[in-house]
Amino acid sequence: MRSGEKADGRVPSLQDGGTGRHVAGATTKPILFNTEMVRAIQEGRKTATRRVVKSNKRSLVNKPFQKGDVLWVRETWDFVPCITCRSASEACELFPVKPDQMETADGRTDGCFLYRALDGEHPLFDAGHHWRPAIHMPKAAARIFLRVTEIYWEKLWESFRNRPSPIRELAAEGLPVSETCLKCWREHIYEPCVKRGNLLCIEQNRMELRFQRLWDSTVRKDRLAADGWAADPWVWVIRFERCEKPAGWPE
C-alpha cells in the first residue's frame, strides 16, 4: 500500500482524523505541462509528474485524478489562420498540421493549431512568435492524451531520497539520463543506487539539482516558501501512459 492511501483506497487528510472521498468512474480532465516536459512526453522519457497536494477548509484531501482517468495535455500553443500561412509559404505541404477552425474576431476562421514544443519545425516559427499560454488552450487543440496508471501522495523529497533507485524516479520525470548512469544500470554496478559512505552518487546529485530548479520554476514566487523544493511539500505522484484520443472528442 502506497503512502497516503488507506486499505480501502481512500486518501486521508494530512491531518489526523480526516477522511478522503472516493470518486467512482474514470473521467477526462486537463493537465498543464511546460514545453520542456511536453517534449519529454513525446520522446517517451516522461511517465510521471508531481503536483502539490491542496486541501480544503475542512482539511480533506481529494485526489485530483483517479486511476484510469484520461488527461488531455494543455501546452503552449497558437492558432494560425490559413491566410497567414499562405502569405508566407505552402506550410500545409511542409508541416504535418491538422486543419481546423477557431472562433476569432472575424468569425469562424480556417487555420491550424500549432505548438511551441514543435518550435523550429514550422516555417512561421521564429524567436518573436507570439504564443498563447497553455491555460487558455481549448479542448479542440489537444493532441496529447495520457491515461493515469497510478496516483498516491508522499513528501517531495521521499521520492528521491528514500527510493531504491532515485535516478529512475528522476528519469521518469523526464530528466535526461547521462551515459554514466546508463552504463551503471547495464552493468549493475550499483543497483539499486545507494550511498557510498556519506557521499551520494555524483550523477544522482546532478539530476536532483536539475529537478530542484525545474520544480521551483513551476511554483509561483509567492508560494515558494510553502511549495518550493526547500519546503518539502506533500505532493501527488501521478504516473501515466500515452493513450488514444477519447471517443467523441471535439474536433
C-alpha atoms as a PDB file:
ATOM      1  CA  MET A   1       0.000   0.000   0.000  1.00  0.00           C
ATOM      2  CA  ARG A   2       1.380   3.405  -1.039  1.00  0.00           C
ATOM      3  CA  SER A   3       1.897   6.423   1.192  1.00  0.00           C
ATOM      4  CA  GLY A   4      -1.304   8.397   1.516  1.00  0.00           C
ATOM      5  CA  GLU A   5      -3.718   5.508   0.893  1.00  0.00           C
ATOM      6  CA  LYS A   6      -5.946   3.598   3.258  1.00  0.00           C
ATOM      7  CA  ALA A   7      -6.755  -0.065   2.888  1.00  0.00           C
ATOM      8  CA  ASP A   8      -9.998   0.813   1.073  1.00  0.00           C
ATOM      9  CA  GLY A   9      -8.152   3.029  -1.417  1.00  0.00           C
ATOM     10  CA  ARG A  10      -9.373   6.325   0.024  1.00  0.00           C
ATOM     11  CA  VAL A  11      -6.978   9.187   0.563  1.00  0.00           C
ATOM     12  CA  PRO A  12      -6.980  10.550   4.126  1.00  0.00           C
ATOM     13  CA  SER A  13      -6.364  14.080   5.287  1.00  0.00           C
ATOM     14  CA  LEU A  14      -2.830  15.137   6.020  1.00  0.00           C
ATOM     15  CA  GLN A  15      -4.185  15.926   9.475  1.00  0.00           C
ATOM     16  CA  ASP A  16      -5.303  13.241  11.904  1.00  0.00           C
ATOM     17  CA  GLY A  17      -8.949  12.293  11.774  1.00  0.00           C
ATOM     18  CA  GLY A  18      -9.630  13.304   8.160  1.00  0.00           C
ATOM     19  CA  THR A  19     -11.127  11.056   5.543  1.00  0.00           C
ATOM     20  CA  GLY A  20     -10.894  11.069   1.786  1.00  0.00           C
ATOM     21  CA  ARG A  21     -13.615  10.994  -0.801  1.00  0.00           C
ATOM     22  CA  HIS A  22     -13.664   8.192  -3.299  1.00  0.00           C
ATOM     23  CA  VAL A  23     -14.763   9.186  -6.796  1.00  0.00           C
ATOM     24  CA  ALA A  24     -16.142   6.279  -8.779  1.00  0.00           C
ATOM     25  CA  GLY A  25     -15.573   6.080 -12.519  1.00  0.00           C
ATOM     26  CA  ALA A  26     -12.848   7.465 -14.740  1.00  0.00           C
ATOM     27  CA  THR A  27     -13.183  10.948 -16.227  1.00  0.00           C
ATOM     28  CA  THR A  28     -11.399  13.198 -18.709  1.00  0.00           C
ATOM     29  CA  LYS A  29      -9.541  16.189 -17.252  1.00  0.00           C
ATOM     30  CA  PRO A  30      -6.946  18.757 -18.380  1.00  0.00           C
ATOM     31  CA  ILE A  31      -3.379  18.900 -17.094  1.00  0.00           C
ATOM     32  CA  LEU A  32      -0.747  21.574 -17.803  1.00  0.00           C
ATOM     33  CA  PHE A  33       2.839  20.885 -18.849  1.00  0.00           C
ATOM     34  CA  ASN A  34       5.559  23.291 -19.899  1.00  0.00           C
ATOM     35  CA  THR A  35       7.233  22.958 -23.276  1.00  0.00           C
ATOM     36  CA  GLU A  36      10.255  21.036 -21.988  1.00  0.00           C
ATOM     37  CA  MET A  37       8.045  18.400 -20.360  1.00  0.00           C
ATOM     38  CA  VAL A  38       5.777  18.129 -23.409  1.00  0.00           C
ATOM     39  CA  ARG A  39       8.841  17.229 -25.463  1.00  0.00           C
ATOM     40  CA  ALA A  40       9.871  14.670 -22.828  1.00  0.00           C
ATOM     41  CA  ILE A  41       6.413  13.062 -23.017  1.00  0.00           C
ATOM     42  CA  GLN A  42       6.579  12.943 -26.807  1.00  0.00           C
ATOM     43  CA  GLU A  43      10.001  11.313 -26.661  1.00  0.00           C
ATOM     44  CA  GLY A  44       8.734   8.688 -24.213  1.00  0.00           C
ATOM     45  CA  ARG A  45      11.024   9.873 -21.403  1.00  0.00           C
ATOM     46  CA  LYS A  46       8.399  11.320 -19.057  1.00  0.00           C
ATOM     47  CA  THR A  47       5.955   8.896 -17.441  1.00  0.00           C
ATOM     48  CA  ALA A  48       5.286  10.651 -14.130  1.00  0.00           C
ATOM     49  CA  THR A  49       4.550  14.075 -12.715  1.00  0.00           C
ATOM     50  CA  ARG A  50       4.285  15.506  -9.214  1.00  0.00           C
ATOM     51  CA  ARG A  51       1.774  18.127  -8.129  1.00  0.00           C
ATOM     52  CA  VAL A  52       1.408  19.846  -4.755  1.00  0.00           C
ATOM     53  CA  VAL A  53      -1.345  18.415  -2.542  1.00  0.00           C
ATOM     54  CA  LYS A  54      -4.008  21.002  -1.809  1.00  0.00           C
ATOM     55  CA  SER A  55      -6.575  20.579   0.967  1.00  0.00           C
ATOM     56  CA  ASN A  56      -9.836  22.384   1.511  1.00  0.00           C
ATOM     57  CA  LYS A  57     -11.036  24.227   4.612  1.00  0.00           C
ATOM     58  CA  ARG A  58     -12.240  21.001   6.210  1.00  0.00           C
ATOM     59  CA  SER A  59      -8.742  19.511   5.861  1.00  0.00           C
ATOM     60  CA  LEU A  60      -9.913  16.897   3.379  1.00  0.00           C
ATOM     61  CA  VAL A  61      -7.512  15.861   0.666  1.00  0.00           C
ATOM     62  CA  ASN A  62      -9.133  14.779  -2.575  1.00  0.00           C
ATOM     63  CA  LYS A  63      -7.316  13.062  -5.403  1.00  0.00           C
ATOM     64  CA  PRO A  64      -7.090  15.386  -8.405  1.00  0.00           C
ATOM     65  CA  PHE A  65      -7.291  12.323 -10.650  1.00  0.00           C
ATOM     66  CA  GLN A  66      -8.253   8.666 -10.389  1.00  0.00           C
ATOM     67  CA  LYS A  67      -6.567   5.622 -11.867  1.00  0.00           C
ATOM     68  CA  GLY A  68      -7.936   5.229 -15.383  1.00  0.00           C
ATOM     69  CA  ASP A  69      -8.672   8.926 -15.901  1.00  0.00           C
ATOM     70  CA  VAL A  70      -7.659  10.321 -19.287  1.00  0.00           C
ATOM     71  CA  LEU A  71      -5.741  13.599 -19.117  1.00  0.00           C
ATOM     72  CA  TRP A  72      -5.587  15.952 -22.074  1.00  0.00           C
ATOM     73  CA  VAL A  73      -2.418  17.996 -22.104  1.00  0.00           C
ATOM     74  CA  ARG A  74      -2.620  21.749 -22.158  1.00  0.00           C
ATOM     75  CA  GLU A  75       0.559  23.177 -23.675  1.00  0.00           C
ATOM     76  CA  THR A  76       1.800  26.484 -25.092  1.00  0.00           C
ATOM     77  CA  TRP A  77       0.002  26.892 -28.414  1.00  0.00           C
ATOM     78  CA  ASP A  78      -1.264  29.187 -31.124  1.00  0.00           C
ATOM     79  CA  PHE A  79      -3.848  29.252 -33.868  1.00  0.00           C
ATOM     80  CA  VAL A  80      -2.637  30.396 -37.278  1.00  0.00           C
ATOM     81  CA  PRO A  81      -5.268  31.332 -39.889  1.00  0.00           C
ATOM     82  CA  CYS A  82      -4.737  29.809 -43.307  1.00  0.00           C
ATOM     83  CA  ILE A  83      -4.406  33.217 -44.909  1.00  0.00           C
ATOM     84  CA  THR A  84      -1.308  33.854 -42.773  1.00  0.00           C
ATOM     85  CA  CYS A  85       0.377  30.622 -43.811  1.00  0.00           C
ATOM     86  CA  ARG A  86      -0.398  31.063 -47.498  1.00  0.00           C
ATOM     87  CA  SER A  87       1.084  34.524 -47.476  1.00  0.00           C
ATOM     88  CA  ALA A  88       4.324  33.097 -46.032  1.00  0.00           C
ATOM     89  CA  SER A  89       4.723  29.674 -47.637  1.00  0.00           C
ATOM     90  CA  GLU A  90       2.940  26.473 -48.528  1.00  0.00           C
ATOM     91  CA  ALA A  91       3.081  25.475 -44.851  1.00  0.00           C
ATOM     92  CA  CYS A  92       0.465  22.712 -45.103  1.00  0.00           C
ATOM     93  CA  GLU A  93       2.726  20.834 -47.522  1.00  0.00           C
ATOM     94  CA  LEU A  94       5.814  21.335 -45.365  1.00  0.00           C
ATOM     95  CA  PHE A  95       4.429  20.647 -41.925  1.00  0.00           C
ATOM     96  CA  PRO A  96       2.091  17.866 -40.652  1.00  0.00           C
ATOM     97  CA  VAL A  97      -0.668  20.039 -39.200  1.00  0.00           C
ATOM     98  CA  LYS A  98      -4.360  19.293 -38.692  1.00  0.00           C
ATOM     99  CA  PRO A  99      -6.557  21.850 -40.446  1.00  0.00           C
ATOM    100  CA  ASP A 100      -9.116  23.209 -38.011  1.00  0.00           C
ATOM    101  CA  GLN A 101     -11.375  26.122 -37.253  1.00  0.00           C
ATOM    102  CA  MET A 102     -11.497  28.570 -34.395  1.00  0.00           C
ATOM    103  CA  GLU A 103     -13.812  31.374 -33.363  1.00  0.00           C
ATOM    104  CA  THR A 104     -11.967  34.665 -33.867  1.00  0.00           C
ATOM    105  CA  ALA A 105     -12.896  38.341 -34.008  1.00  0.00           C
ATOM    106  CA  ASP A 106     -13.674  37.788 -37.690  1.00  0.00           C
ATOM    107  CA  GLY A 107     -15.957  34.829 -37.007  1.00  0.00           C
ATOM    108  CA  ARG A 108     -15.258  31.149 -37.659  1.00  0.00           C
ATOM    109  CA  THR A 109     -11.801  31.073 -39.243  1.00  0.00           C
ATOM    110  CA  ASP A 110      -9.984  28.250 -41.031  1.00  0.00           C
ATOM    111  CA  GLY A 111      -6.461  27.582 -39.851  1.00  0.00           C
ATOM    112  CA  CYS A 112      -4.223  25.244 -37.858  1.00  0.00           C
ATOM    113  CA  PHE A 113      -3.292  24.752 -34.237  1.00  0.00           C
ATOM    114  CA  LEU A 114       0.459  24.990 -33.657  1.00  0.00           C
ATOM    115  CA  TYR A 115       2.507  24.103 -30.582  1.00  0.00           C
ATOM    116  CA  ARG A 116       5.658  25.593 -29.114  1.00  0.00           C
ATOM    117  CA  ALA A 117       7.034  22.101 -28.418  1.00  0.00           C
ATOM    118  CA  LEU A 118       7.440  21.816 -32.196  1.00  0.00           C
ATOM    119  CA  ASP A 119       9.498  25.011 -32.300  1.00  0.00           C
ATOM    120  CA  GLY A 120      11.744  25.163 -35.351  1.00  0.00           C
ATOM    121  CA  GLU A 121       9.693  22.655 -37.325  1.00  0.00           C
ATOM    122  CA  HIS A 122       7.310  25.171 -38.888  1.00  0.00           C
ATOM    123  CA  PRO A 123       8.211  27.921 -41.360  1.00  0.00           C
ATOM    124  CA  LEU A 124       6.356  30.552 -39.323  1.00  0.00           C
ATOM    125  CA  PHE A 125       8.213  29.845 -36.076  1.00  0.00           C
ATOM    126  CA  ASP A 126      10.745  32.432 -35.008  1.00  0.00           C
ATOM    127  CA  ALA A 127      12.099  33.879 -31.797  1.00  0.00           C
ATOM    128  CA  GLY A 128       9.485  36.611 -31.817  1.00  0.00           C
ATOM    129  CA  HIS A 129       6.432  34.412 -32.355  1.00  0.00           C
ATOM    130  CA  HIS A 130       3.575  35.317 -30.013  1.00  0.00           C
ATOM    131  CA  TRP A 131       2.440  32.157 -28.230  1.00  0.00           C
ATOM    132  CA  ARG A 132      -0.747  31.673 -26.259  1.00  0.00           C
ATOM    133  CA  PRO A 133      -0.480  30.346 -22.675  1.00  0.00           C
ATOM    134  CA  ALA A 134      -1.291  26.702 -22.011  1.00  0.00           C
ATOM    135  CA  ILE A 135      -4.055  27.557 -19.546  1.00  0.00           C
ATOM    136  CA  HIS A 136      -6.090  29.021 -22.419  1.00  0.00           C
ATOM    137  CA  MET A 137      -5.721  26.061 -24.786  1.00  0.00           C
ATOM    138  CA  PRO A 138      -9.150  24.761 -25.885  1.00  0.00           C
ATOM    139  CA  LYS A 139     -10.041  21.069 -25.872  1.00  0.00           C
ATOM    140  CA  ALA A 140     -10.188  21.032 -29.657  1.00  0.00           C
ATOM    141  CA  ALA A 141      -6.466  21.866 -29.795  1.00  0.00           C
ATOM    142  CA  ALA A 142      -5.422  18.925 -27.589  1.00  0.00           C
ATOM    143  CA  ARG A 143      -3.105  16.459 -29.310  1.00  0.00           C
ATOM    144  CA  ILE A 144      -1.574  14.533 -26.374  1.00  0.00           C
ATOM    145  CA  PHE A 145      -3.629  12.249 -24.137  1.00  0.00           C
ATOM    146  CA  LEU A 146      -2.445  10.372 -21.041  1.00  0.00           C
ATOM    147  CA  ARG A 147      -4.061   7.614 -19.006  1.00  0.00           C
ATOM    148  CA  VAL A 148      -3.422   7.643 -15.240  1.00  0.00           C
ATOM    149  CA  THR A 149      -1.937   4.297 -14.173  1.00  0.00           C
ATOM    150  CA  GLU A 150      -1.191   5.143 -10.539  1.00  0.00           C
ATOM    151  CA  ILE A 151      -1.649   8.013  -8.098  1.00  0.00           C
ATOM    152  CA  TYR A 152      -0.607   8.424  -4.460  1.00  0.00           C
ATOM    153  CA  TRP A 153       0.827  11.111  -2.207  1.00  0.00           C
ATOM    154  CA  GLU A 154       4.083  11.431  -0.322  1.00  0.00           C
ATOM    155  CA  LYS A 155       6.624  14.062   0.716  1.00  0.00           C
ATOM    156  CA  LEU A 156       8.509  15.515  -2.247  1.00  0.00           C
ATOM    157  CA  TRP A 157      11.972  14.530  -1.035  1.00  0.00           C
ATOM    158  CA  GLU A 158      10.833  10.986  -0.246  1.00  0.00           C
ATOM    159  CA  SER A 159      10.603  10.234  -3.946  1.00  0.00           C
ATOM    160  CA  PHE A 160      14.303  10.803  -4.421  1.00  0.00           C
ATOM    161  CA  ARG A 161      15.843  10.158  -1.002  1.00  0.00           C
ATOM    162  CA  ASN A 162      14.061   7.000   0.155  1.00  0.00           C
ATOM    163  CA  ARG A 163      13.728   5.020  -3.060  1.00  0.00           C
ATOM    164  CA  PRO A 164      15.858   2.005  -4.075  1.00  0.00           C
ATOM    165  CA  SER A 165      16.745   3.745  -7.341  1.00  0.00           C
ATOM    166  CA  PRO A 166      16.158   7.513  -7.147  1.00  0.00           C
ATOM    167  CA  ILE A 167      17.663   8.110 -10.568  1.00  0.00           C
ATOM    168  CA  ARG A 168      14.894   6.019 -12.090  1.00  0.00           C
ATOM    169  CA  GLU A 169      12.389   8.307 -10.377  1.00  0.00           C
ATOM    170  CA  LEU A 170      14.160  11.376 -11.754  1.00  0.00           C
ATOM    171  CA  ALA A 171      14.265   9.819 -15.222  1.00  0.00           C
ATOM    172  CA  ALA A 172      10.515   9.122 -15.067  1.00  0.00           C
ATOM    173  CA  GLU A 173      10.048  12.866 -14.530  1.00  0.00           C
ATOM    174  CA  GLY A 174      11.590  13.431 -17.947  1.00  0.00           C
ATOM    175  CA  LEU A 175      15.124  14.374 -16.934  1.00  0.00           C
ATOM    176  CA  PRO A 176      17.764  13.078 -19.375  1.00  0.00           C
ATOM    177  CA  VAL A 177      19.912  10.252 -18.010  1.00  0.00           C
ATOM    178  CA  SER A 178      23.664  10.500 -18.548  1.00  0.00           C
ATOM    179  CA  GLU A 179      25.705   7.822 -20.271  1.00  0.00           C
ATOM    180  CA  THR A 180      27.388   7.202 -16.915  1.00  0.00           C
ATOM    181  CA  CYS A 181      24.059   6.222 -15.369  1.00  0.00           C
ATOM    182  CA  LEU A 182      23.067   4.088 -18.341  1.00  0.00           C
ATOM    183  CA  LYS A 183      26.368   2.249 -18.142  1.00  0.00           C
ATOM    184  CA  CYS A 184      25.849   1.766 -14.410  1.00  0.00           C
ATOM    185  CA  TRP A 185      22.394   0.270 -14.993  1.00  0.00           C
ATOM    186  CA  ARG A 186      23.622  -2.004 -17.770  1.00  0.00           C
ATOM    187  CA  GLU A 187      26.487  -3.372 -15.716  1.00  0.00           C
ATOM    188  CA  HIS A 188      24.527  -3.418 -12.422  1.00  0.00           C
ATOM    189  CA  ILE A 189      27.457  -1.835 -10.621  1.00  0.00           C
ATOM    190  CA  TYR A 190      25.211  -0.033  -8.146  1.00  0.00           C
ATOM    191  CA  GLU A 191      21.720  -1.457  -8.386  1.00  0.00           C
ATOM    192  CA  PRO A 192      19.883  -0.063  -6.646  1.00  0.00           C
ATOM    193  CA  CYS A 193      21.524   3.371  -6.468  1.00  0.00           C
ATOM    194  CA  VAL A 194      22.979   3.650  -2.985  1.00  0.00           C
ATOM    195  CA  LYS A 195      25.103   5.952  -0.885  1.00  0.00           C
ATOM    196  CA  ARG A 196      28.778   5.107  -0.810  1.00  0.00           C
ATOM    197  CA  GLY A 197      29.927   6.102   2.645  1.00  0.00           C
ATOM    198  CA  ASN A 198      28.468   9.559   3.195  1.00  0.00           C
ATOM    199  CA  LEU A 199      28.598  10.623  -0.454  1.00  0.00           C
ATOM    200  CA  LEU A 200      25.689  10.472  -2.873  1.00  0.00           C
ATOM    201  CA  CYS A 201      26.315   9.330  -6.400  1.00  0.00           C
ATOM    202  CA  ILE A 202      27.565  12.393  -8.308  1.00  0.00           C
ATOM    203  CA  GLU A 203      25.194  11.768 -11.219  1.00  0.00           C
ATOM    204  CA  GLN A 204      22.250  11.397  -8.865  1.00  0.00           C
ATOM    205  CA  ASN A 205      23.164  14.672  -7.197  1.00  0.00           C
ATOM    206  CA  ARG A 206      23.382  16.464 -10.546  1.00  0.00           C
ATOM    207  CA  MET A 207      19.986  15.162 -11.639  1.00  0.00           C
ATOM    208  CA  GLU A 208      18.396  16.032  -8.318  1.00  0.00           C
ATOM    209  CA  LEU A 209      19.742  19.590  -8.503  1.00  0.00           C
ATOM    210  CA  ARG A 210      18.322  19.917 -12.002  1.00  0.00           C
ATOM    211  CA  PHE A 211      14.945  18.658 -10.811  1.00  0.00           C
ATOM    212  CA  GLN A 212      15.046  21.116  -7.898  1.00  0.00           C
ATOM    213  CA  ARG A 213      15.483  24.003 -10.338  1.00  0.00           C
ATOM    214  CA  LEU A 214      12.752  22.616 -12.589  1.00  0.00           C
ATOM    215  CA  TRP A 215      10.364  22.197  -9.652  1.00  0.00           C
ATOM    216  CA  ASP A 216      10.923  25.707  -8.312  1.00  0.00           C
ATOM    217  CA  SER A 217      10.482  27.184 -11.798  1.00  0.00           C
ATOM    218  CA  THR A 218       6.897  25.885 -11.824  1.00  0.00           C
ATOM    219  CA  VAL A 219       5.992  27.371  -8.422  1.00  0.00           C
ATOM    220  CA  ARG A 220       4.669  30.910  -8.111  1.00  0.00           C
ATOM    221  CA  LYS A 221       7.126  33.198  -6.323  1.00  0.00           C
ATOM    222  CA  ASP A 222       4.626  33.935  -3.567  1.00  0.00           C
ATOM    223  CA  ARG A 223       4.238  30.165  -2.974  1.00  0.00           C
ATOM    224  CA  LEU A 224       7.928  29.186  -2.934  1.00  0.00           C
ATOM    225  CA  ALA A 225       8.122  29.242   0.852  1.00  0.00           C
ATOM    226  CA  ALA A 226       5.246  26.757   1.110  1.00  0.00           C
ATOM    227  CA  ASP A 227       5.511  24.722  -2.098  1.00  0.00           C
ATOM    228  CA  GLY A 228       9.128  25.103  -3.250  1.00  0.00           C
ATOM    229  CA  TRP A 229      11.694  22.303  -3.113  1.00  0.00           C
ATOM    230  CA  ALA A 230      13.164  23.545   0.173  1.00  0.00           C
ATOM    231  CA  ALA A 231       9.736  23.272   1.837  1.00  0.00           C
ATOM    232  CA  ASP A 232       9.494  19.533   1.018  1.00  0.00           C
ATOM    233  CA  PRO A 233       5.715  19.752   0.461  1.00  0.00           C
ATOM    234  CA  TRP A 234       3.278  16.862   0.222  1.00  0.00           C
ATOM    235  CA  VAL A 235       2.805  16.011  -3.450  1.00  0.00           C
ATOM    236  CA  TRP A 236       0.679  13.777  -5.626  1.00  0.00           C
ATOM    237  CA  VAL A 237       2.777  11.325  -7.612  1.00  0.00           C
ATOM    238  CA  ILE A 238       0.892  10.731 -10.849  1.00  0.00           C
ATOM    239  CA  ARG A 239       2.101   8.004 -13.192  1.00  0.00           C
ATOM    240  CA  PHE A 240       0.708   7.772 -16.697  1.00  0.00           C
ATOM    241  CA  GLU A 241       0.967   6.257 -20.158  1.00  0.00           C
ATOM    242  CA  ARG A 242       0.153   7.630 -23.589  1.00  0.00           C
ATOM    243  CA  CYS A 243      -3.279   6.753 -24.917  1.00  0.00           C
ATOM    244  CA  GLU A 244      -5.561   7.487 -27.845  1.00  0.00           C
ATOM    245  CA  LYS A 245      -7.925  10.440 -28.036  1.00  0.00           C
ATOM    246  CA  PRO A 246     -11.216   9.572 -26.281  1.00  0.00           C
ATOM    247  CA  ALA A 247     -14.197   8.739 -28.466  1.00  0.00           C
ATOM    248  CA  GLY A 248     -16.360  11.753 -29.230  1.00  0.00           C
ATOM    249  CA  TRP A 249     -13.569  14.256 -28.570  1.00  0.00           C
ATOM    250  CA  PRO A 250     -14.369  17.682 -30.079  1.00  0.00           C
ATOM    251  CA  GLU A 251     -12.817  18.169 -33.486  1.00  0.00           C
END
